[in-house]
Amino acid sequence: MSDATDEIWRKATRSQGAHNCVEVALTRSTTAIRDSKAPEAGHLTANSTQWSAFLNALKSGMLDG
C-alpha cells in the first residue's frame, strides 16, 4: 500500500473552501479518508470492496441518523 500522505487529497467542490470536510485520496490499492480540520491526526483506508459498500450505504440512506 502506498503512503496516502503523499497522495493528492480532494474534498467536495460543494464545500466551498470550508475546513470541516472529509478529504479523500486514491492510492493504487485503497481509498484513504481523513478530516480536513486535522490532517496530521492520520487517515483511514478502505479497499475497493469496503469503499464501494460504504458509498452504497450512504446513497441508500442506511447511515442517516
Protein backbone atom coordinates (compact mmCIF):
# COMPACT_ATOMS: atom_id res chain seq x y z
CA MET A 1 0.00 0.00 0.00
CA SER A 2 1.37 3.42 -0.83
CA ASP A 3 1.58 6.06 1.86
CA ALA A 4 -1.56 8.15 1.49
CA THR A 5 0.18 11.18 2.97
CA ASP A 6 1.98 11.51 -0.37
CA GLU A 7 -1.21 11.37 -2.40
CA ILE A 8 -3.38 14.21 -3.67
CA TRP A 9 -6.19 14.85 -1.21
CA ARG A 10 -9.55 16.07 -2.54
CA LYS A 11 -12.74 17.33 -0.97
CA ALA A 12 -16.15 18.05 -2.43
CA THR A 13 -16.37 21.19 -4.55
CA ARG A 14 -19.60 21.99 -2.68
CA SER A 15 -17.57 22.52 0.48
CA GLN A 16 -16.69 25.97 -0.90
CA GLY A 17 -13.39 26.26 0.93
CA ALA A 18 -14.76 25.12 4.29
CA HIS A 19 -12.28 23.47 6.62
CA ASN A 20 -14.59 20.94 8.26
CA CYS A 21 -14.79 18.43 5.46
CA VAL A 22 -13.86 14.86 4.73
CA GLU A 23 -10.94 14.58 2.31
CA VAL A 24 -10.32 11.57 0.09
CA ALA A 25 -7.14 10.35 -1.61
CA LEU A 26 -6.91 7.44 -4.02
CA THR A 27 -3.88 5.18 -3.88
CA ARG A 28 -3.11 2.26 -6.13
CA SER A 29 -5.00 -0.20 -3.94
CA THR A 30 -7.00 1.80 -1.41
CA THR A 31 -9.07 4.87 -0.74
CA ALA A 32 -7.84 7.00 2.15
CA ILE A 33 -10.15 9.24 4.18
CA ARG A 34 -9.22 12.00 6.64
CA ASP A 35 -10.64 15.00 8.47
CA SER A 36 -9.64 18.27 6.77
CA LYS A 37 -9.53 20.03 10.17
CA ALA A 38 -6.86 17.64 11.46
CA PRO A 39 -4.91 16.01 8.63
CA GLU A 40 -2.00 15.39 10.99
CA ALA A 41 -4.24 13.06 13.02
CA GLY A 42 -3.94 10.39 10.34
CA HIS A 43 -6.35 8.73 7.98
CA LEU A 44 -8.47 5.63 7.48
CA THR A 45 -8.07 3.34 4.50
CA ALA A 46 -10.56 1.13 2.72
CA ASN A 47 -10.05 -1.35 -0.10
CA SER A 48 -12.28 -1.11 -3.15
CA THR A 49 -14.89 -3.53 -1.77
CA GLN A 50 -15.13 -1.68 1.54
CA TRP A 51 -15.27 1.75 -0.13
CA SER A 52 -17.98 0.62 -2.54
CA ALA A 53 -20.07 -0.80 0.33
CA PHE A 54 -19.65 2.45 2.28
CA LEU A 55 -20.74 4.58 -0.68
CA ASN A 56 -23.74 2.33 -1.35
CA ALA A 57 -24.79 2.61 2.31
CA LEU A 58 -24.52 6.41 2.12
CA LYS A 59 -26.52 6.62 -1.08
CA SER A 60 -29.25 4.31 0.20
CA GLY A 61 -29.74 6.31 3.39
CA MET A 62 -28.68 3.44 5.65
CA LEU A 63 -26.37 5.78 7.57
CA ASP A 64 -28.88 8.58 8.06
CA GLY A 65 -29.37 9.21 11.72
